[in-house]
């Protein structure tokens, strides 16, 4: 059984990458699909998926499949509190995201 210091240390390691932090910051707004995150990050699908795998394995995010799309959300409320402390409150997105998923095209929650 991990002690609390090991667990927190592992959480900080998972969150220590700038792109993973950006993904987590975006997920504070709600669920997002891989294509949405690709558009936000301006990174290829393989790279985004690799970062999401690390976050999933660290039990920081959870995924849910809906047809062809996989949606991710924060799985650990501690992460949301840490992001709030480190980055401040969730801001308003300045630019629209060009993403073809049903969530983004209908503006509904997946």
N, C-alpha and C. Protein backbone atom coordinates (compact mmCIF):
# COMPACT_ATOMS: atom_id res chain seq x y z
N UNK A 1 0.84 -1.18 0.00
CA UNK A 1 0.00 0.00 0.00
C UNK A 1 0.89 1.25 0.00
N UNK A 2 0.57 2.17 -0.91
CA UNK A 2 1.35 3.40 -0.99
C UNK A 2 1.02 4.31 0.18
N UNK A 3 2.05 4.97 0.66
CA UNK A 3 1.74 5.97 1.67
C UNK A 3 1.31 7.25 0.96
N UNK A 4 0.78 8.20 1.71
CA UNK A 4 0.21 9.40 1.10
C UNK A 4 1.25 10.21 0.36
N UNK A 5 2.50 10.18 0.80
CA UNK A 5 3.54 10.96 0.14
C UNK A 5 3.88 10.39 -1.23
N UNK A 6 3.91 9.07 -1.33
CA UNK A 6 4.16 8.44 -2.64
C UNK A 6 3.04 8.77 -3.61
N UNK A 7 1.80 8.66 -3.13
CA UNK A 7 0.65 8.95 -3.99
C UNK A 7 0.64 10.37 -4.50
N UNK A 8 0.90 11.32 -3.63
CA UNK A 8 0.93 12.72 -4.04
C UNK A 8 2.11 12.98 -4.97
N UNK A 9 3.26 12.38 -4.68
CA UNK A 9 4.43 12.52 -5.53
C UNK A 9 4.13 12.02 -6.94
N UNK A 10 3.46 10.87 -7.05
CA UNK A 10 3.10 10.33 -8.37
C UNK A 10 2.11 11.25 -9.08
N UNK A 11 1.17 11.82 -8.35
CA UNK A 11 0.22 12.75 -8.95
C UNK A 11 0.95 13.97 -9.52
N UNK A 12 1.89 14.52 -8.75
CA UNK A 12 2.66 15.67 -9.23
C UNK A 12 3.50 15.30 -10.45
N UNK A 13 4.05 14.10 -10.47
CA UNK A 13 4.84 13.67 -11.64
C UNK A 13 3.97 13.62 -12.89
N UNK A 14 2.77 13.07 -12.75
CA UNK A 14 1.86 12.98 -13.90
C UNK A 14 1.48 14.37 -14.38
N UNK A 15 1.28 15.29 -13.45
CA UNK A 15 0.84 16.64 -13.81
C UNK A 15 1.99 17.56 -14.23
N UNK A 16 3.24 17.11 -14.11
CA UNK A 16 4.39 18.01 -14.30
C UNK A 16 4.71 18.36 -15.75
N UNK A 17 4.08 17.74 -16.70
CA UNK A 17 4.34 18.02 -18.12
C UNK A 17 3.45 19.16 -18.60
N UNK A 18 4.01 20.16 -19.31
CA UNK A 18 3.21 21.32 -19.73
C UNK A 18 1.99 20.96 -20.59
N UNK A 19 2.14 20.01 -21.49
CA UNK A 19 1.00 19.65 -22.35
C UNK A 19 -0.07 18.92 -21.52
N UNK A 20 0.35 18.07 -20.61
CA UNK A 20 -0.63 17.40 -19.75
C UNK A 20 -1.36 18.43 -18.87
N UNK A 21 -0.65 19.44 -18.40
CA UNK A 21 -1.30 20.51 -17.64
C UNK A 21 -2.33 21.23 -18.50
N UNK A 22 -1.98 21.48 -19.75
CA UNK A 22 -2.91 22.15 -20.67
C UNK A 22 -4.15 21.28 -20.88
N UNK A 23 -3.96 19.99 -21.06
CA UNK A 23 -5.09 19.06 -21.21
C UNK A 23 -5.97 19.12 -19.97
N UNK A 24 -5.37 19.03 -18.80
CA UNK A 24 -6.13 19.05 -17.56
C UNK A 24 -6.87 20.37 -17.40
N UNK A 25 -6.23 21.46 -17.77
CA UNK A 25 -6.88 22.76 -17.69
C UNK A 25 -8.10 22.80 -18.59
N UNK A 26 -7.98 22.23 -19.77
CA UNK A 26 -9.12 22.18 -20.70
C UNK A 26 -10.24 21.30 -20.14
N UNK A 27 -9.87 20.21 -19.51
CA UNK A 27 -10.89 19.30 -18.97
C UNK A 27 -11.60 19.88 -17.76
N UNK A 28 -11.07 20.95 -17.18
CA UNK A 28 -11.81 21.63 -16.11
C UNK A 28 -13.10 22.23 -16.66
N UNK A 29 -13.14 22.50 -17.95
CA UNK A 29 -14.34 23.07 -18.59
C UNK A 29 -15.42 22.02 -18.80
N UNK A 30 -15.02 20.74 -18.75
CA UNK A 30 -15.95 19.63 -18.99
C UNK A 30 -15.30 18.59 -19.87
N UNK A 31 -16.07 17.58 -20.22
CA UNK A 31 -15.57 16.49 -21.06
C UNK A 31 -15.09 17.02 -22.41
N UNK A 32 -14.10 16.33 -22.95
CA UNK A 32 -13.58 16.70 -24.27
C UNK A 32 -13.10 15.45 -24.98
N UNK A 33 -13.29 15.44 -26.30
CA UNK A 33 -12.83 14.31 -27.10
C UNK A 33 -11.38 14.56 -27.55
N UNK A 34 -10.78 13.53 -28.08
CA UNK A 34 -9.39 13.63 -28.53
C UNK A 34 -9.26 14.68 -29.62
N UNK A 35 -10.21 14.72 -30.58
CA UNK A 35 -10.10 15.68 -31.67
C UNK A 35 -10.22 17.12 -31.15
N UNK A 36 -11.02 17.32 -30.12
CA UNK A 36 -11.14 18.63 -29.50
C UNK A 36 -9.80 19.03 -28.87
N UNK A 37 -9.19 18.11 -28.16
CA UNK A 37 -7.90 18.39 -27.53
C UNK A 37 -6.81 18.62 -28.58
N UNK A 38 -6.86 17.88 -29.69
CA UNK A 38 -5.92 18.10 -30.78
C UNK A 38 -6.01 19.54 -31.27
N UNK A 39 -7.25 20.01 -31.47
CA UNK A 39 -7.46 21.36 -31.97
C UNK A 39 -6.97 22.42 -30.98
N UNK A 40 -7.26 22.22 -29.70
CA UNK A 40 -6.84 23.16 -28.66
C UNK A 40 -5.31 23.23 -28.56
N UNK A 41 -4.69 22.05 -28.59
CA UNK A 41 -3.24 21.96 -28.38
C UNK A 41 -2.43 22.18 -29.65
N UNK A 42 -3.11 22.07 -30.81
CA UNK A 42 -2.43 22.13 -32.11
C UNK A 42 -1.31 21.10 -32.17
N UNK A 43 -1.67 19.87 -31.77
CA UNK A 43 -0.74 18.74 -31.76
C UNK A 43 -1.39 17.57 -32.48
N UNK A 44 -0.60 16.65 -33.02
CA UNK A 44 -1.16 15.48 -33.71
C UNK A 44 -1.85 14.51 -32.75
N UNK A 45 -2.77 13.75 -33.29
CA UNK A 45 -3.57 12.80 -32.51
C UNK A 45 -2.69 11.84 -31.72
N UNK A 46 -1.63 11.32 -32.32
CA UNK A 46 -0.77 10.35 -31.63
C UNK A 46 -0.14 10.97 -30.39
N UNK A 47 0.29 12.21 -30.49
CA UNK A 47 0.91 12.89 -29.35
C UNK A 47 -0.09 13.12 -28.23
N UNK A 48 -1.28 13.61 -28.60
CA UNK A 48 -2.33 13.86 -27.61
C UNK A 48 -2.73 12.55 -26.93
N UNK A 49 -2.88 11.50 -27.71
CA UNK A 49 -3.25 10.20 -27.15
C UNK A 49 -2.18 9.68 -26.20
N UNK A 50 -0.93 9.91 -26.52
CA UNK A 50 0.17 9.48 -25.64
C UNK A 50 0.07 10.20 -24.29
N UNK A 51 -0.19 11.50 -24.31
CA UNK A 51 -0.31 12.25 -23.06
C UNK A 51 -1.55 11.82 -22.28
N UNK A 52 -2.64 11.54 -22.98
CA UNK A 52 -3.86 11.07 -22.33
C UNK A 52 -3.65 9.70 -21.68
N UNK A 53 -2.83 8.86 -22.32
CA UNK A 53 -2.52 7.54 -21.74
C UNK A 53 -1.84 7.70 -20.39
N UNK A 54 -0.88 8.62 -20.31
CA UNK A 54 -0.18 8.88 -19.05
C UNK A 54 -1.17 9.36 -17.99
N UNK A 55 -2.06 10.25 -18.37
CA UNK A 55 -3.06 10.77 -17.43
C UNK A 55 -4.04 9.68 -16.99
N UNK A 56 -4.41 8.80 -17.93
CA UNK A 56 -5.31 7.68 -17.59
C UNK A 56 -4.64 6.71 -16.64
N UNK A 57 -3.40 6.34 -16.95
CA UNK A 57 -2.65 5.41 -16.10
C UNK A 57 -2.42 5.99 -14.71
N UNK A 58 -2.31 7.32 -14.62
CA UNK A 58 -2.15 7.97 -13.33
C UNK A 58 -3.48 8.19 -12.62
N UNK A 59 -4.55 7.70 -13.24
CA UNK A 59 -5.91 7.79 -12.69
C UNK A 59 -6.34 9.24 -12.46
N UNK A 60 -5.86 10.11 -13.33
CA UNK A 60 -6.20 11.53 -13.25
C UNK A 60 -7.39 11.84 -14.15
N UNK A 61 -7.51 11.10 -15.27
CA UNK A 61 -8.65 11.26 -16.17
C UNK A 61 -9.31 9.91 -16.40
N UNK A 62 -10.57 9.97 -16.82
CA UNK A 62 -11.32 8.77 -17.22
C UNK A 62 -11.81 8.99 -18.64
N UNK A 63 -11.97 7.90 -19.36
CA UNK A 63 -12.47 8.01 -20.72
C UNK A 63 -13.80 7.29 -20.87
N UNK A 64 -14.55 7.72 -21.90
CA UNK A 64 -15.84 7.12 -22.22
C UNK A 64 -16.01 7.16 -23.72
N UNK A 65 -16.30 6.01 -24.30
CA UNK A 65 -16.49 5.92 -25.74
C UNK A 65 -17.95 6.19 -26.08
N UNK A 66 -18.15 6.98 -27.14
CA UNK A 66 -19.48 7.25 -27.68
C UNK A 66 -19.37 7.15 -29.19
N UNK A 67 -19.67 5.97 -29.72
CA UNK A 67 -19.51 5.74 -31.15
C UNK A 67 -18.04 5.79 -31.52
N UNK A 68 -17.70 6.66 -32.47
CA UNK A 68 -16.32 6.79 -32.92
C UNK A 68 -15.48 7.69 -32.02
N UNK A 69 -16.13 8.39 -31.13
CA UNK A 69 -15.43 9.39 -30.32
C UNK A 69 -15.17 8.88 -28.90
N UNK A 70 -14.02 9.27 -28.36
CA UNK A 70 -13.67 8.95 -26.97
C UNK A 70 -13.59 10.28 -26.24
N UNK A 71 -14.35 10.40 -25.17
CA UNK A 71 -14.39 11.62 -24.37
C UNK A 71 -13.64 11.40 -23.06
N UNK A 72 -12.94 12.42 -22.64
CA UNK A 72 -12.16 12.38 -21.41
C UNK A 72 -12.71 13.40 -20.43
N UNK A 73 -12.57 13.07 -19.14
CA UNK A 73 -12.97 14.01 -18.08
C UNK A 73 -12.03 13.82 -16.90
N UNK A 74 -11.99 14.81 -16.04
CA UNK A 74 -11.18 14.70 -14.83
C UNK A 74 -11.77 13.61 -13.94
N UNK A 75 -10.90 12.81 -13.35
CA UNK A 75 -11.34 11.70 -12.51
C UNK A 75 -11.00 11.90 -11.05
N UNK A 76 -10.25 12.95 -10.76
CA UNK A 76 -9.75 13.15 -9.40
C UNK A 76 -10.01 14.60 -9.00
N UNK A 77 -10.86 14.81 -8.03
CA UNK A 77 -11.20 16.18 -7.63
C UNK A 77 -10.01 16.93 -7.05
N UNK A 78 -9.01 16.21 -6.56
CA UNK A 78 -7.80 16.88 -6.06
C UNK A 78 -7.12 17.65 -7.19
N UNK A 79 -7.16 17.08 -8.40
CA UNK A 79 -6.53 17.72 -9.55
C UNK A 79 -7.21 19.05 -9.83
N UNK A 80 -8.52 19.06 -9.79
CA UNK A 80 -9.25 20.30 -10.04
C UNK A 80 -8.87 21.37 -9.01
N UNK A 81 -8.77 20.98 -7.75
CA UNK A 81 -8.38 21.93 -6.70
C UNK A 81 -6.94 22.41 -6.90
N UNK A 82 -6.04 21.52 -7.27
CA UNK A 82 -4.65 21.92 -7.52
C UNK A 82 -4.57 22.90 -8.70
N UNK A 83 -5.31 22.60 -9.76
CA UNK A 83 -5.32 23.48 -10.93
C UNK A 83 -5.88 24.85 -10.58
N UNK A 84 -6.92 24.86 -9.77
CA UNK A 84 -7.52 26.13 -9.33
C UNK A 84 -6.47 26.97 -8.57
N UNK A 85 -5.71 26.31 -7.71
CA UNK A 85 -4.68 27.02 -6.95
C UNK A 85 -3.53 27.49 -7.84
N UNK A 86 -3.11 26.64 -8.76
CA UNK A 86 -1.96 26.95 -9.60
C UNK A 86 -2.29 27.89 -10.76
N UNK A 87 -3.46 27.69 -11.39
CA UNK A 87 -3.80 28.42 -12.61
C UNK A 87 -4.91 29.45 -12.43
N UNK A 88 -5.56 29.42 -11.29
CA UNK A 88 -6.67 30.33 -11.06
C UNK A 88 -7.96 29.73 -11.59
N UNK A 89 -9.03 30.51 -11.54
CA UNK A 89 -10.33 29.99 -12.00
C UNK A 89 -10.33 29.74 -13.50
N UNK A 90 -11.25 28.90 -13.93
CA UNK A 90 -11.37 28.60 -15.35
C UNK A 90 -11.76 29.88 -16.08
N UNK A 91 -11.00 30.22 -17.09
CA UNK A 91 -11.29 31.43 -17.86
C UNK A 91 -12.18 31.12 -19.05
N UNK A 92 -12.59 32.15 -19.71
CA UNK A 92 -13.40 32.02 -20.92
C UNK A 92 -12.47 31.76 -22.09
N UNK A 93 -12.81 30.80 -22.93
CA UNK A 93 -11.99 30.50 -24.10
C UNK A 93 -12.06 31.68 -25.06
N UNK A 94 -10.93 32.13 -25.51
CA UNK A 94 -10.87 33.31 -26.37
C UNK A 94 -11.24 33.01 -27.82
N UNK A 95 -10.87 31.82 -28.28
CA UNK A 95 -11.09 31.49 -29.69
C UNK A 95 -11.96 30.24 -29.80
N UNK A 96 -12.84 30.19 -30.80
CA UNK A 96 -13.64 28.97 -30.97
C UNK A 96 -12.75 27.80 -31.40
N UNK A 97 -13.18 26.60 -31.06
CA UNK A 97 -12.42 25.40 -31.40
C UNK A 97 -13.07 24.75 -32.61
N UNK A 98 -12.26 24.43 -33.61
CA UNK A 98 -12.76 23.75 -34.79
C UNK A 98 -12.58 22.25 -34.59
N UNK A 99 -13.65 21.61 -34.16
CA UNK A 99 -13.63 20.18 -33.86
C UNK A 99 -14.90 19.57 -34.45
N UNK A 100 -14.79 18.46 -35.16
CA UNK A 100 -15.96 17.87 -35.82
C UNK A 100 -16.84 16.98 -34.95
N UNK A 101 -16.50 16.80 -33.68
CA UNK A 101 -17.27 15.87 -32.87
C UNK A 101 -18.69 16.39 -32.60
N UNK A 102 -19.61 15.49 -32.29
CA UNK A 102 -21.00 15.92 -32.02
C UNK A 102 -21.11 16.89 -30.86
N UNK A 103 -20.26 16.74 -29.87
CA UNK A 103 -20.30 17.64 -28.71
C UNK A 103 -20.00 19.08 -29.14
N UNK A 104 -18.95 19.26 -29.92
CA UNK A 104 -18.55 20.61 -30.33
C UNK A 104 -19.50 21.20 -31.37
N UNK A 105 -20.02 20.38 -32.25
CA UNK A 105 -20.89 20.91 -33.29
C UNK A 105 -22.29 21.20 -32.80
N UNK A 106 -22.70 20.55 -31.69
CA UNK A 106 -24.04 20.80 -31.16
C UNK A 106 -24.01 21.59 -29.87
N UNK A 107 -22.80 21.84 -29.33
CA UNK A 107 -22.64 22.58 -28.08
C UNK A 107 -23.33 21.90 -26.90
N UNK A 108 -23.56 20.59 -27.01
CA UNK A 108 -24.17 19.84 -25.90
C UNK A 108 -23.14 19.07 -25.14
N UNK A 109 -23.46 18.67 -23.93
CA UNK A 109 -22.56 17.87 -23.10
C UNK A 109 -22.59 16.43 -23.58
N UNK A 110 -21.40 15.83 -23.83
CA UNK A 110 -21.38 14.42 -24.27
C UNK A 110 -21.80 13.48 -23.17
